[in-house]
Amino acid sequence: MKTIRLLLLCTGLCFQACAHSNSTDITAPSPMAVTTDSITRGDYTLVFINQSPTFDKQVKERMINTFFTVYPVLANAYNTHTLKKVTFVVDPSYNGVAATSGGRVVYNPEWFRQHPGDIDVVTHEVMHIVQAYPGDAGPGWLTEGIADYVRYRYGVDNAGAGWSLPDFNPSQRYDNAYRITARFLLWLEKNANDQLVKILDENMRNKTYSAGIWQTLTGKTLDNLWQDYASRPAL
């Protein structure tokens, strides 16, 4: 009888221990990178962290090649002190298209699944790294306008993405940002000052941008420049 009781007691203790062990094992693990690659070409290194098991390998290779094609050129043209090491993260939990902070760019794999040709998202985002504007450096619309201007000028396959600058229409404003502002900047370089974007970029990075810079560089206020653009917007 004592032997039976002891066996039952040991069995109960074992069950409790195993149950506790199992409850620990089924705790959801922290998200882990599926793959992490570090690629160095010349002076620059790209760390590519892929957290999506189904991410297209060809898209990944195109992203890597686009980085090494575009980033050194942008560094040379706009900011030779830009970061030498950049990190890309393909994150299924991110719901936007892409976002940059410091030297880290997060990409949504679902965007690339639906738009596999939109490889120059990379060009736009790495320009944000090159920009390296401090807080309150200037207007956000100009930051994004310059990044899309750079995508237009230096993109490796905008046509493959069906991406282009929009035609002018009277409902637009210079501060609409992105492609609308980018087209305005392109027009200004052709009609007012061919170094305008580089000078604006440098002033934003150095926190010396002010509303008066437009008149200094072109002889006209920003509003007057937009009026000129609206009256003859052809590129």
Protein backbone atom coordinates (compact mmCIF):
# COMPACT_ATOMS: atom_id res chain seq x y z
CA MET A 1 0.00 0.00 0.00
CA LYS A 2 2.83 2.37 0.90
CA THR A 3 4.55 1.46 -2.35
CA ILE A 4 1.42 2.33 -4.35
CA ARG A 5 1.08 5.66 -2.53
CA LEU A 6 4.71 6.49 -3.20
CA LEU A 7 4.29 5.66 -6.89
CA LEU A 8 1.18 7.83 -7.11
CA LEU A 9 2.96 10.69 -5.33
CA CYS A 10 5.99 10.46 -7.66
CA THR A 11 3.73 10.29 -10.70
CA GLY A 12 1.89 13.42 -9.54
CA LEU A 13 5.11 15.32 -8.98
CA CYS A 14 6.38 14.28 -12.37
CA PHE A 15 3.13 15.40 -14.01
CA GLN A 16 3.33 18.81 -12.31
CA ALA A 17 6.96 19.26 -13.39
CA CYS A 18 6.21 18.21 -16.96
CA ALA A 19 3.18 20.45 -17.13
CA HIS A 20 5.25 23.41 -15.97
CA SER A 21 7.96 22.54 -18.46
CA ASN A 22 5.45 22.37 -21.31
CA SER A 23 3.88 25.70 -20.40
CA THR A 24 7.31 27.29 -20.64
CA ASP A 25 8.09 25.68 -23.99
CA ILE A 26 4.97 27.00 -25.75
CA THR A 27 5.73 30.61 -24.89
CA ALA A 28 5.99 32.50 -28.20
CA PRO A 29 9.65 33.05 -29.10
CA SER A 30 11.07 36.45 -29.93
CA PRO A 31 11.08 37.24 -33.66
CA MET A 32 14.26 35.93 -35.22
CA ALA A 33 15.94 36.91 -38.44
CA VAL A 34 15.52 34.28 -41.10
CA THR A 35 18.81 35.30 -42.70
CA THR A 36 21.45 37.93 -42.01
CA ASP A 37 24.01 38.76 -44.66
CA SER A 38 26.84 41.27 -44.52
CA ILE A 39 28.12 42.39 -47.91
CA THR A 40 31.06 44.74 -48.43
CA ARG A 41 31.94 46.29 -51.74
CA GLY A 42 34.59 48.94 -51.80
CA ASP A 43 34.14 51.41 -48.94
CA TYR A 44 30.56 50.42 -48.10
CA THR A 45 28.92 47.58 -46.19
CA LEU A 46 25.29 46.51 -46.34
CA VAL A 47 23.83 44.29 -43.62
CA PHE A 48 20.70 42.64 -45.01
CA ILE A 49 18.36 41.14 -42.40
CA ASN A 50 15.47 39.19 -43.87
CA GLN A 51 12.68 38.25 -41.47
CA SER A 52 10.33 36.98 -44.18
CA PRO A 53 10.75 33.29 -45.12
CA THR A 54 8.91 33.82 -48.42
CA PHE A 55 10.77 36.92 -49.57
CA ASP A 56 11.73 36.72 -53.23
CA LYS A 57 15.46 36.03 -53.57
CA GLN A 58 15.65 37.88 -56.87
CA VAL A 59 14.14 41.00 -55.30
CA LYS A 60 16.66 40.70 -52.48
CA GLU A 61 19.54 40.57 -54.96
CA ARG A 62 18.17 43.55 -56.86
CA MET A 63 17.90 45.53 -53.61
CA ILE A 64 21.51 44.72 -52.77
CA ASN A 65 22.75 45.62 -56.24
CA THR A 66 20.73 48.84 -56.24
CA PHE A 67 22.27 49.86 -52.95
CA PHE A 68 25.81 49.36 -54.21
CA THR A 69 25.02 51.03 -57.53
CA VAL A 70 23.33 54.11 -56.11
CA TYR A 71 24.59 54.75 -52.60
CA PRO A 72 28.26 55.51 -53.44
CA VAL A 73 27.13 57.85 -56.21
CA LEU A 74 24.78 59.73 -53.87
CA ALA A 75 27.48 59.90 -51.21
CA ASN A 76 29.90 61.42 -53.69
CA ALA A 77 27.33 63.87 -55.05
CA TYR A 78 25.73 65.03 -51.80
CA ASN A 79 27.48 63.95 -48.62
CA THR A 80 30.90 62.32 -48.57
CA HIS A 81 30.59 61.93 -44.78
CA THR A 82 27.55 59.68 -44.99
CA LEU A 83 27.55 56.35 -43.16
CA LYS A 84 29.76 53.61 -44.54
CA LYS A 85 27.63 50.83 -43.05
CA VAL A 86 23.88 50.56 -43.71
CA THR A 87 21.32 48.01 -42.54
CA PHE A 88 18.27 46.81 -44.49
CA VAL A 89 15.53 44.93 -42.61
CA VAL A 90 12.75 43.10 -44.43
CA ASP A 91 10.07 43.04 -41.72
CA PRO A 92 6.65 41.37 -42.25
CA SER A 93 5.25 43.25 -39.24
CA TYR A 94 5.89 46.65 -40.85
CA ASN A 95 2.78 47.93 -42.64
CA GLY A 96 4.16 50.89 -44.61
CA VAL A 97 6.28 50.73 -47.74
CA ALA A 98 9.65 51.62 -46.23
CA ALA A 99 11.03 53.81 -43.47
CA THR A 100 14.50 55.08 -42.65
CA SER A 101 15.99 56.00 -39.30
CA GLY A 102 19.70 56.68 -38.98
CA GLY A 103 21.46 54.02 -41.02
CA ARG A 104 18.61 51.50 -40.89
CA VAL A 105 15.91 51.02 -43.53
CA VAL A 106 12.88 48.83 -42.84
CA TYR A 107 10.99 47.41 -45.83
CA ASN A 108 7.58 45.77 -46.07
CA PRO A 109 7.91 42.44 -47.95
CA GLU A 110 4.25 42.55 -48.92
CA TRP A 111 4.88 45.77 -50.87
CA PHE A 112 7.56 44.05 -52.91
CA ARG A 113 5.37 41.00 -53.40
CA GLN A 114 2.75 43.25 -54.98
CA HIS A 115 5.26 45.59 -56.68
CA PRO A 116 8.38 43.52 -57.42
CA GLY A 117 9.59 46.09 -59.96
CA ASP A 118 9.61 49.00 -57.51
CA ILE A 119 13.28 48.56 -56.74
CA ASP A 120 13.99 52.30 -56.54
CA VAL A 121 12.22 52.46 -53.22
CA VAL A 122 15.80 51.65 -52.21
CA THR A 123 17.11 54.75 -54.01
CA HIS A 124 14.63 57.02 -52.24
CA GLU A 125 15.31 55.53 -48.81
CA VAL A 126 19.10 55.51 -48.97
CA MET A 127 18.99 59.16 -49.99
CA HIS A 128 17.43 59.78 -46.58
CA ILE A 129 20.57 58.26 -45.05
CA VAL A 130 22.74 60.53 -47.19
CA GLN A 131 20.60 63.53 -46.27
CA ALA A 132 21.20 62.99 -42.54
CA TYR A 133 19.20 66.09 -41.72
CA PRO A 134 19.05 66.95 -38.02
CA GLY A 135 15.74 67.68 -36.35
CA ASP A 136 14.10 70.97 -37.36
CA ALA A 137 16.50 71.29 -40.29
CA GLY A 138 13.76 72.46 -42.62
CA PRO A 139 10.36 71.52 -44.02
CA GLY A 140 9.47 67.86 -44.35
CA TRP A 141 7.98 68.41 -47.79
CA LEU A 142 11.38 69.48 -49.05
CA THR A 143 13.10 66.46 -47.49
CA GLU A 144 10.78 64.09 -49.32
CA GLY A 145 10.84 66.16 -52.49
CA ILE A 146 14.62 65.97 -52.65
CA ALA A 147 14.52 62.19 -52.07
CA ASP A 148 12.10 61.71 -54.98
CA TYR A 149 14.11 64.13 -57.14
CA VAL A 150 17.11 61.88 -56.48
CA ARG A 151 15.05 58.81 -57.31
CA TYR A 152 14.16 60.43 -60.63
CA ARG A 153 17.76 61.41 -61.39
CA TYR A 154 19.60 58.32 -60.12
CA GLY A 155 17.02 55.51 -60.05
CA VAL A 156 18.10 52.27 -61.73
CA ASP A 157 14.70 51.19 -63.06
CA ASN A 158 11.92 53.70 -62.49
CA ALA A 159 10.38 52.66 -65.80
CA GLY A 160 10.15 49.06 -64.64
CA ALA A 161 8.13 50.23 -61.65
CA GLY A 162 5.86 52.44 -63.76
CA TRP A 163 7.16 55.34 -61.66
CA SER A 164 7.47 58.84 -63.12
CA LEU A 165 7.05 62.48 -62.18
CA PRO A 166 3.44 63.67 -62.51
CA ASP A 167 2.27 66.25 -65.01
CA PHE A 168 1.51 69.63 -63.52
CA ASN A 169 -2.07 70.50 -62.64
CA PRO A 170 -3.42 73.64 -60.94
CA SER A 171 -4.52 71.80 -57.80
CA GLN A 172 -0.90 71.08 -56.85
CA ARG A 173 1.28 73.04 -54.44
CA TYR A 174 5.05 73.07 -54.01
CA ASP A 175 4.66 71.65 -50.51
CA ASN A 176 2.75 68.54 -51.62
CA ALA A 177 6.11 66.74 -51.20
CA TYR A 178 7.39 63.62 -52.95
CA ARG A 179 6.97 63.57 -56.75
CA ILE A 180 5.12 66.88 -57.03
CA THR A 181 7.88 68.73 -55.21
CA ALA A 182 10.52 66.70 -57.06
CA ARG A 183 9.18 67.86 -60.43
CA PHE A 184 9.19 71.46 -59.23
CA LEU A 185 12.82 71.11 -58.12
CA LEU A 186 13.77 69.65 -61.49
CA TRP A 187 12.08 72.57 -63.26
CA LEU A 188 13.90 75.06 -61.02
CA GLU A 189 17.27 73.51 -61.82
CA LYS A 190 16.53 73.89 -65.52
CA ASN A 191 15.13 77.40 -65.30
CA ALA A 192 16.59 79.15 -62.26
CA ASN A 193 19.73 77.57 -60.71
CA ASP A 194 21.32 74.32 -61.85
CA GLN A 195 22.89 73.74 -58.41
CA LEU A 196 19.72 74.40 -56.46
CA VAL A 197 19.09 70.92 -55.04
CA LYS A 198 22.67 70.38 -53.90
CA ILE A 199 22.68 73.76 -52.17
CA LEU A 200 19.31 73.15 -50.52
CA ASP A 201 20.46 69.71 -49.37
CA GLU A 202 23.64 71.09 -47.85
CA ASN A 203 21.79 73.87 -46.06
CA MET A 204 19.24 71.43 -44.66
CA ARG A 205 22.01 69.19 -43.33
CA ASN A 206 23.85 72.16 -41.80
CA LYS A 207 20.64 73.65 -40.34
CA THR A 208 21.19 76.87 -42.29
CA TYR A 209 18.02 76.57 -44.36
CA SER A 210 15.56 79.47 -44.18
CA ALA A 211 12.63 80.66 -46.26
CA GLY A 212 14.83 83.39 -47.70
CA ILE A 213 17.21 80.91 -49.35
CA TRP A 214 15.00 80.68 -52.43
CA GLN A 215 15.35 84.39 -53.15
CA THR A 216 19.07 84.24 -52.46
CA LEU A 217 19.54 81.42 -54.96
CA THR A 218 17.08 82.51 -57.65
CA GLY A 219 16.20 86.16 -57.07
CA LYS A 220 12.57 85.23 -56.36
CA THR A 221 10.47 84.07 -53.44
CA LEU A 222 9.23 80.51 -53.28
CA ASP A 223 5.66 81.60 -54.03
CA ASN A 224 6.81 83.61 -57.05
CA LEU A 225 8.84 80.67 -58.31
CA TRP A 226 5.79 78.43 -58.06
CA GLN A 227 3.75 80.98 -60.03
CA ASP A 228 6.41 80.94 -62.76
CA TYR A 229 6.38 77.16 -62.77
CA ALA A 230 2.60 77.04 -62.97
CA SER A 231 2.58 79.40 -65.94
CA ARG A 232 5.02 77.29 -67.99
CA PRO A 233 5.58 73.90 -66.34
CA ALA A 234 7.01 72.01 -69.30
CA LEU A 235 10.28 70.22 -68.65
